[in-house]
Amino acid sequence: MLEIPYEFQRILRPHLPYADAGDFSARDELAGLGLDSMGVVQLLVDIENGYAVALPDDILDEDTFATVGSLWQALEVHIA
């Protein structure tokens, strides 16, 4: 199973109002945890600032923002 790093969870958590206090699973659906279109914009800013990266536009689609795991996998290749 895909491990979701603590630092990423820390950045993600404020944008997910319906998330409980436990660790995120890769299968957790972002929309179900409360991420909406306005939240996506702020989350992107926080991710880019937190990891000092500029994410390419071609990864910013519905599939990327489907689950915690899909978002982490899209980000992971840009911060390694």
PDB file of N, CA and C in Angstrom:
ATOM      1  N   MET A   1       0.836  -1.185   0.000  1.00  0.00           N
ATOM      2  CA  MET A   1       0.000   0.000   0.000  1.00  0.00           C
ATOM      3  C   MET A   1       0.882   1.251   0.000  1.00  0.00           C
ATOM      4  N   LEU A   2       0.406   2.267  -0.664  1.00  0.00           N
ATOM      5  CA  LEU A   2       1.119   3.532  -0.778  1.00  0.00           C
ATOM      6  C   LEU A   2       1.146   4.254   0.565  1.00  0.00           C
ATOM      7  N   GLU A   3       2.331   4.623   1.015  1.00  0.00           N
ATOM      8  CA  GLU A   3       2.494   5.353   2.271  1.00  0.00           C
ATOM      9  C   GLU A   3       2.395   6.852   2.003  1.00  0.00           C
ATOM     10  N   ILE A   4       1.589   7.537   2.791  1.00  0.00           N
ATOM     11  CA  ILE A   4       1.403   8.977   2.643  1.00  0.00           C
ATOM     12  C   ILE A   4       2.258   9.668   3.712  1.00  0.00           C
ATOM     13  N   PRO A   5       3.279  10.414   3.307  1.00  0.00           N
ATOM     14  CA  PRO A   5       4.196  11.035   4.272  1.00  0.00           C
ATOM     15  C   PRO A   5       3.498  12.038   5.202  1.00  0.00           C
ATOM     16  N   TYR A   6       4.014  12.128   6.416  1.00  0.00           N
ATOM     17  CA  TYR A   6       3.459  13.023   7.416  1.00  0.00           C
ATOM     18  C   TYR A   6       3.432  14.465   6.924  1.00  0.00           C
ATOM     19  N   GLU A   7       4.501  14.935   6.324  1.00  0.00           N
ATOM     20  CA  GLU A   7       4.583  16.331   5.864  1.00  0.00           C
ATOM     21  C   GLU A   7       3.466  16.637   4.869  1.00  0.00           C
ATOM     22  N   PHE A   8       3.202  15.719   3.962  1.00  0.00           N
ATOM     23  CA  PHE A   8       2.121  15.916   2.997  1.00  0.00           C
ATOM     24  C   PHE A   8       0.774  15.933   3.712  1.00  0.00           C
ATOM     25  N   GLN A   9       0.587  15.039   4.657  1.00  0.00           N
ATOM     26  CA  GLN A   9      -0.658  15.021   5.421  1.00  0.00           C
ATOM     27  C   GLN A   9      -0.853  16.333   6.179  1.00  0.00           C
ATOM     28  N   ARG A  10       0.236  16.879   6.706  1.00  0.00           N
ATOM     29  CA  ARG A  10       0.167  18.138   7.448  1.00  0.00           C
ATOM     30  C   ARG A  10      -0.293  19.280   6.546  1.00  0.00           C
ATOM     31  N   ILE A  11       0.193  19.313   5.313  1.00  0.00           N
ATOM     32  CA  ILE A  11      -0.207  20.344   4.355  1.00  0.00           C
ATOM     33  C   ILE A  11      -1.663  20.129   3.920  1.00  0.00           C
ATOM     34  N   LEU A  12      -2.038  18.901   3.734  1.00  0.00           N
ATOM     35  CA  LEU A  12      -3.359  18.545   3.228  1.00  0.00           C
ATOM     36  C   LEU A  12      -4.484  18.766   4.241  1.00  0.00           C
ATOM     37  N   ARG A  13      -4.240  18.445   5.488  1.00  0.00           N
ATOM     38  CA  ARG A  13      -5.283  18.413   6.519  1.00  0.00           C
ATOM     39  C   ARG A  13      -6.127  19.694   6.623  1.00  0.00           C
ATOM     40  N   PRO A  14      -5.556  20.902   6.618  1.00  0.00           N
ATOM     41  CA  PRO A  14      -6.397  22.099   6.760  1.00  0.00           C
ATOM     42  C   PRO A  14      -7.403  22.296   5.618  1.00  0.00           C
ATOM     43  N   HIS A  15      -7.203  21.622   4.515  1.00  0.00           N
ATOM     44  CA  HIS A  15      -8.075  21.771   3.354  1.00  0.00           C
ATOM     45  C   HIS A  15      -9.194  20.726   3.309  1.00  0.00           C
ATOM     46  N   LEU A  16      -9.217  19.855   4.304  1.00  0.00           N
ATOM     47  CA  LEU A  16     -10.183  18.749   4.324  1.00  0.00           C
ATOM     48  C   LEU A  16     -11.029  18.818   5.593  1.00  0.00           C
ATOM     49  N   PRO A  17     -12.089  19.623   5.570  1.00  0.00           N
ATOM     50  CA  PRO A  17     -12.876  19.850   6.789  1.00  0.00           C
ATOM     51  C   PRO A  17     -13.591  18.620   7.341  1.00  0.00           C
ATOM     52  N   TYR A  18     -13.792  17.596   6.536  1.00  0.00           N
ATOM     53  CA  TYR A  18     -14.509  16.405   7.008  1.00  0.00           C
ATOM     54  C   TYR A  18     -13.572  15.271   7.421  1.00  0.00           C
ATOM     55  N   ALA A  19     -12.276  15.531   7.429  1.00  0.00           N
ATOM     56  CA  ALA A  19     -11.305  14.494   7.800  1.00  0.00           C
ATOM     57  C   ALA A  19     -11.263  14.332   9.316  1.00  0.00           C
ATOM     58  N   ASP A  20     -11.078  13.092   9.766  1.00  0.00           N
ATOM     59  CA  ASP A  20     -10.907  12.881  11.194  1.00  0.00           C
ATOM     60  C   ASP A  20      -9.434  13.101  11.553  1.00  0.00           C
ATOM     61  N   ALA A  21      -9.091  12.864  12.792  1.00  0.00           N
ATOM     62  CA  ALA A  21      -7.736  13.157  13.267  1.00  0.00           C
ATOM     63  C   ALA A  21      -6.709  12.089  12.892  1.00  0.00           C
ATOM     64  N   GLY A  22      -7.146  10.960  12.365  1.00  0.00           N
ATOM     65  CA  GLY A  22      -6.216   9.881  12.039  1.00  0.00           C
ATOM     66  C   GLY A  22      -5.426  10.134  10.763  1.00  0.00           C
ATOM     67  N   ASP A  23      -4.504   9.235  10.485  1.00  0.00           N
ATOM     68  CA  ASP A  23      -3.711   9.327   9.260  1.00  0.00           C
ATOM     69  C   ASP A  23      -4.596   9.099   8.047  1.00  0.00           C
ATOM     70  N   PHE A  24      -4.189   9.714   6.940  1.00  0.00           N
ATOM     71  CA  PHE A  24      -4.899   9.519   5.692  1.00  0.00           C
ATOM     72  C   PHE A  24      -4.478   8.218   5.031  1.00  0.00           C
ATOM     73  N   SER A  25      -5.409   7.603   4.361  1.00  0.00           N
ATOM     74  CA  SER A  25      -5.147   6.438   3.533  1.00  0.00           C
ATOM     75  C   SER A  25      -5.022   6.913   2.091  1.00  0.00           C
ATOM     76  N   ALA A  26      -4.273   6.199   1.282  1.00  0.00           N
ATOM     77  CA  ALA A  26      -4.137   6.546  -0.135  1.00  0.00           C
ATOM     78  C   ALA A  26      -5.494   6.500  -0.836  1.00  0.00           C
ATOM     79  N   ARG A  27      -6.417   5.721  -0.326  1.00  0.00           N
ATOM     80  CA  ARG A  27      -7.736   5.562  -0.955  1.00  0.00           C
ATOM     81  C   ARG A  27      -8.758   6.623  -0.535  1.00  0.00           C
ATOM     82  N   ASP A  28      -8.429   7.453   0.439  1.00  0.00           N
ATOM     83  CA  ASP A  28      -9.368   8.478   0.897  1.00  0.00           C
ATOM     84  C   ASP A  28      -9.693   9.445  -0.237  1.00  0.00           C
ATOM     85  N   GLU A  29     -10.980   9.642  -0.490  1.00  0.00           N
ATOM     86  CA  GLU A  29     -11.418  10.522  -1.566  1.00  0.00           C
ATOM     87  C   GLU A  29     -11.407  11.973  -1.085  1.00  0.00           C
ATOM     88  N   LEU A  30     -10.722  12.817  -1.832  1.00  0.00           N
ATOM     89  CA  LEU A  30     -10.567  14.208  -1.430  1.00  0.00           C
ATOM     90  C   LEU A  30     -11.905  14.953  -1.401  1.00  0.00           C
ATOM     91  N   ALA A  31     -12.755  14.741  -2.379  1.00  0.00           N
ATOM     92  CA  ALA A  31     -14.064  15.411  -2.387  1.00  0.00           C
ATOM     93  C   ALA A  31     -14.901  14.977  -1.186  1.00  0.00           C
ATOM     94  N   GLY A  32     -14.836  13.712  -0.855  1.00  0.00           N
ATOM     95  CA  GLY A  32     -15.575  13.204   0.292  1.00  0.00           C
ATOM     96  C   GLY A  32     -15.090  13.764   1.617  1.00  0.00           C
ATOM     97  N   LEU A  33     -13.831  14.209   1.636  1.00  0.00           N
ATOM     98  CA  LEU A  33     -13.265  14.814   2.841  1.00  0.00           C
ATOM     99  C   LEU A  33     -13.456  16.326   2.855  1.00  0.00           C
ATOM    100  N   GLY A  34     -14.138  16.836   1.828  1.00  0.00           N
ATOM    101  CA  GLY A  34     -14.503  18.248   1.827  1.00  0.00           C
ATOM    102  C   GLY A  34     -13.710  19.161   0.910  1.00  0.00           C
ATOM    103  N   LEU A  35     -12.832  18.614   0.088  1.00  0.00           N
ATOM    104  CA  LEU A  35     -12.071  19.463  -0.826  1.00  0.00           C
ATOM    105  C   LEU A  35     -12.956  19.882  -1.996  1.00  0.00           C
ATOM    106  N   ASP A  36     -13.121  21.184  -2.166  1.00  0.00           N
ATOM    107  CA  ASP A  36     -13.916  21.702  -3.279  1.00  0.00           C
ATOM    108  C   ASP A  36     -13.005  22.467  -4.237  1.00  0.00           C
ATOM    109  N   SER A  37     -13.574  23.030  -5.287  1.00  0.00           N
ATOM    110  CA  SER A  37     -12.759  23.687  -6.316  1.00  0.00           C
ATOM    111  C   SER A  37     -11.976  24.872  -5.769  1.00  0.00           C
ATOM    112  N   MET A  38     -12.551  25.624  -4.862  1.00  0.00           N
ATOM    113  CA  MET A  38     -11.822  26.745  -4.258  1.00  0.00           C
ATOM    114  C   MET A  38     -10.701  26.221  -3.361  1.00  0.00           C
ATOM    115  N   GLY A  39     -10.963  25.133  -2.676  1.00  0.00           N
ATOM    116  CA  GLY A  39      -9.952  24.527  -1.818  1.00  0.00           C
ATOM    117  C   GLY A  39      -8.778  23.982  -2.601  1.00  0.00           C
ATOM    118  N   VAL A  40      -9.035  23.504  -3.814  1.00  0.00           N
ATOM    119  CA  VAL A  40      -7.964  22.983  -4.668  1.00  0.00           C
ATOM    120  C   VAL A  40      -6.939  24.077  -4.952  1.00  0.00           C
ATOM    121  N   VAL A  41      -7.421  25.275  -5.236  1.00  0.00           N
ATOM    122  CA  VAL A  41      -6.519  26.389  -5.553  1.00  0.00           C
ATOM    123  C   VAL A  41      -5.613  26.695  -4.360  1.00  0.00           C
ATOM    124  N   GLN A  42      -6.191  26.821  -3.185  1.00  0.00           N
ATOM    125  CA  GLN A  42      -5.383  27.122  -1.997  1.00  0.00           C
ATOM    126  C   GLN A  42      -4.459  25.955  -1.652  1.00  0.00           C
ATOM    127  N   LEU A  43      -4.943  24.739  -1.820  1.00  0.00           N
ATOM    128  CA  LEU A  43      -4.104  23.571  -1.563  1.00  0.00           C
ATOM    129  C   LEU A  43      -2.888  23.568  -2.486  1.00  0.00           C
ATOM    130  N   LEU A  44      -3.088  23.878  -3.751  1.00  0.00           N
ATOM    131  CA  LEU A  44      -1.958  23.941  -4.678  1.00  0.00           C
ATOM    132  C   LEU A  44      -0.922  24.961  -4.236  1.00  0.00           C
ATOM    133  N   VAL A  45      -1.375  26.113  -3.804  1.00  0.00           N
ATOM    134  CA  VAL A  45      -0.452  27.148  -3.306  1.00  0.00           C
ATOM    135  C   VAL A  45       0.327  26.610  -2.110  1.00  0.00           C
ATOM    136  N   ASP A  46      -0.365  25.972  -1.183  1.00  0.00           N
ATOM    137  CA  ASP A  46       0.301  25.443   0.007  1.00  0.00           C
ATOM    138  C   ASP A  46       1.279  24.320  -0.329  1.00  0.00           C
ATOM    139  N   ILE A  47       0.918  23.464  -1.274  1.00  0.00           N
ATOM    140  CA  ILE A  47       1.837  22.395  -1.694  1.00  0.00           C
ATOM    141  C   ILE A  47       3.069  22.997  -2.346  1.00  0.00           C
ATOM    142  N   GLU A  48       2.875  23.924  -3.261  1.00  0.00           N
ATOM    143  CA  GLU A  48       4.017  24.529  -3.953  1.00  0.00           C
ATOM    144  C   GLU A  48       4.918  25.279  -2.979  1.00  0.00           C
ATOM    145  N   ASN A  49       4.337  25.977  -2.029  1.00  0.00           N
ATOM    146  CA  ASN A  49       5.141  26.677  -1.020  1.00  0.00           C
ATOM    147  C   ASN A  49       5.820  25.699  -0.074  1.00  0.00           C
ATOM    148  N   GLY A  50       5.096  24.680   0.355  1.00  0.00           N
ATOM    149  CA  GLY A  50       5.630  23.713   1.308  1.00  0.00           C
ATOM    150  C   GLY A  50       6.777  22.881   0.763  1.00  0.00           C
ATOM    151  N   TYR A  51       6.725  22.579  -0.521  1.00  0.00           N
ATOM    152  CA  TYR A  51       7.764  21.752  -1.138  1.00  0.00           C
ATOM    153  C   TYR A  51       8.683  22.548  -2.065  1.00  0.00           C
ATOM    154  N   ALA A  52       8.460  23.851  -2.179  1.00  0.00           N
ATOM    155  CA  ALA A  52       9.264  24.723  -3.042  1.00  0.00           C
ATOM    156  C   ALA A  52       9.340  24.179  -4.472  1.00  0.00           C
ATOM    157  N   VAL A  53       8.170  23.881  -5.023  1.00  0.00           N
ATOM    158  CA  VAL A  53       8.071  23.396  -6.400  1.00  0.00           C
ATOM    159  C   VAL A  53       7.001  24.184  -7.140  1.00  0.00           C
ATOM    160  N   ALA A  54       7.083  24.155  -8.448  1.00  0.00           N
ATOM    161  CA  ALA A  54       6.016  24.678  -9.304  1.00  0.00           C
ATOM    162  C   ALA A  54       5.471  23.480 -10.069  1.00  0.00           C
ATOM    163  N   LEU A  55       4.248  23.112  -9.776  1.00  0.00           N
ATOM    164  CA  LEU A  55       3.666  21.935 -10.411  1.00  0.00           C
ATOM    165  C   LEU A  55       3.215  22.263 -11.828  1.00  0.00           C
ATOM    166  N   PRO A  56       3.504  21.377 -12.767  1.00  0.00           N
ATOM    167  CA  PRO A  56       3.100  21.617 -14.157  1.00  0.00           C
ATOM    168  C   PRO A  56       1.581  21.515 -14.324  1.00  0.00           C
ATOM    169  N   ASP A  57       1.054  22.340 -15.197  1.00  0.00           N
ATOM    170  CA  ASP A  57      -0.394  22.369 -15.430  1.00  0.00           C
ATOM    171  C   ASP A  57      -0.952  21.034 -15.909  1.00  0.00           C
ATOM    172  N   ASP A  58      -0.137  20.241 -16.611  1.00  0.00           N
ATOM    173  CA  ASP A  58      -0.659  18.998 -17.184  1.00  0.00           C
ATOM    174  C   ASP A  58      -0.995  17.929 -16.139  1.00  0.00           C
ATOM    175  N   ILE A  59      -0.577  18.093 -14.896  1.00  0.00           N
ATOM    176  CA  ILE A  59      -0.964  17.115 -13.868  1.00  0.00           C
ATOM    177  C   ILE A  59      -2.181  17.580 -13.071  1.00  0.00           C
ATOM    178  N   LEU A  60      -2.650  18.780 -13.337  1.00  0.00           N
ATOM    179  CA  LEU A  60      -3.738  19.350 -12.546  1.00  0.00           C
ATOM    180  C   LEU A  60      -5.090  19.033 -13.176  1.00  0.00           C
ATOM    181  N   ASP A  61      -5.553  17.819 -12.934  1.00  0.00           N
ATOM    182  CA  ASP A  61      -6.832  17.391 -13.489  1.00  0.00           C
ATOM    183  C   ASP A  61      -7.633  16.622 -12.440  1.00  0.00           C
ATOM    184  N   GLU A  62      -8.826  16.197 -12.813  1.00  0.00           N
ATOM    185  CA  GLU A  62      -9.709  15.480 -11.882  1.00  0.00           C
ATOM    186  C   GLU A  62      -9.081  14.205 -11.332  1.00  0.00           C
ATOM    187  N   ASP A  63      -8.374  13.480 -12.167  1.00  0.00           N
ATOM    188  CA  ASP A  63      -7.758  12.226 -11.714  1.00  0.00           C
ATOM    189  C   ASP A  63      -6.729  12.484 -10.621  1.00  0.00           C
ATOM    190  N   THR A  64      -5.946  13.544 -10.761  1.00  0.00           N
ATOM    191  CA  THR A  64      -4.928  13.881  -9.761  1.00  0.00           C
ATOM    192  C   THR A  64      -5.571  14.164  -8.416  1.00  0.00           C
ATOM    193  N   PHE A  65      -6.715  14.841  -8.435  1.00  0.00           N
ATOM    194  CA  PHE A  65      -7.367  15.253  -7.199  1.00  0.00           C
ATOM    195  C   PHE A  65      -8.480  14.302  -6.755  1.00  0.00           C
ATOM    196  N   ALA A  66      -8.457  13.079  -7.228  1.00  0.00           N
ATOM    197  CA  ALA A  66      -9.481  12.102  -6.847  1.00  0.00           C
ATOM    198  C   ALA A  66      -9.279  11.593  -5.424  1.00  0.00           C
ATOM    199  N   THR A  67      -8.060  11.189  -5.096  1.00  0.00           N
ATOM    200  CA  THR A  67      -7.775  10.615  -3.783  1.00  0.00           C
ATOM    201  C   THR A  67      -6.492  11.205  -3.212  1.00  0.00           C
ATOM    202  N   VAL A  68      -6.294  10.962  -1.940  1.00  0.00           N
ATOM    203  CA  VAL A  68      -5.050  11.380  -1.289  1.00  0.00           C
ATOM    204  C   VAL A  68      -3.865  10.739  -2.008  1.00  0.00           C
ATOM    205  N   GLY A  69      -3.986   9.471  -2.349  1.00  0.00           N
ATOM    206  CA  GLY A  69      -2.898   8.750  -3.006  1.00  0.00           C
ATOM    207  C   GLY A  69      -2.608   9.259  -4.407  1.00  0.00           C
ATOM    208  N   SER A  70      -3.643   9.565  -5.176  1.00  0.00           N
ATOM    209  CA  SER A  70      -3.401  10.052  -6.537  1.00  0.00           C
ATOM    210  C   SER A  70      -2.727  11.415  -6.513  1.00  0.00           C
ATOM    211  N   LEU A  71      -3.099  12.248  -5.558  1.00  0.00           N
ATOM    212  CA  LEU A  71      -2.454  13.558  -5.447  1.00  0.00           C
ATOM    213  C   LEU A  71      -1.005  13.401  -5.006  1.00  0.00           C
ATOM    214  N   TRP A  72      -0.755  12.525  -4.043  1.00  0.00           N
ATOM    215  CA  TRP A  72       0.619  12.316  -3.576  1.00  0.00           C
ATOM    216  C   TRP A  72       1.497  11.746  -4.706  1.00  0.00           C
ATOM    217  N   GLN A  73       0.980  10.787  -5.461  1.00  0.00           N
ATOM    218  CA  GLN A  73       1.765  10.205  -6.550  1.00  0.00           C
ATOM    219  C   GLN A  73       2.102  11.246  -7.622  1.00  0.00           C
ATOM    220  N   ALA A  74       1.168  12.148  -7.908  1.00  0.00           N
ATOM    221  CA  ALA A  74       1.441  13.199  -8.892  1.00  0.00           C
ATOM    222  C   ALA A  74       2.497  14.164  -8.375  1.00  0.00           C
ATOM    223  N   LEU A  75       2.457  14.464  -7.089  1.00  0.00           N
ATOM    224  CA  LEU A  75       3.414  15.381  -6.482  1.00  0.00           C
ATOM    225  C   LEU A  75       4.786  14.759  -6.291  1.00  0.00           C
ATOM    226  N   GLU A  76       4.804  13.517  -5.877  1.00  0.00           N
ATOM    227  CA  GLU A  76       6.030  12.822  -5.491  1.00  0.00           C
ATOM    228  C   GLU A  76       7.109  12.879  -6.574  1.00  0.00           C
ATOM    229  N   VAL A  77       6.736  12.747  -7.818  1.00  0.00           N
ATOM    230  CA  VAL A  77       7.738  12.747  -8.891  1.00  0.00           C
ATOM    231  C   VAL A  77       8.366  14.124  -9.104  1.00  0.00           C
ATOM    232  N   HIS A  78       7.722  15.167  -8.584  1.00  0.00           N
ATOM    233  CA  HIS A  78       8.232  16.516  -8.764  1.00  0.00           C
ATOM    234  C   HIS A  78       9.060  17.024  -7.599  1.00  0.00           C
ATOM    235  N   ILE A  79       9.072  16.268  -6.510  1.00  0.00           N
ATOM    236  CA  ILE A  79       9.849  16.696  -5.353  1.00  0.00           C
ATOM    237  C   ILE A  79      11.039  15.792  -5.069  1.00  0.00           C
ATOM    238  N   ALA A  80      11.150  14.704  -5.807  1.00  0.00           N
ATOM    239  CA  ALA A  80      12.234  13.739  -5.562  1.00  0.00           C
ATOM    240  C   ALA A  80      13.581  14.266  -6.039  1.00  0.00           C
TER     241      ALA A  80
END
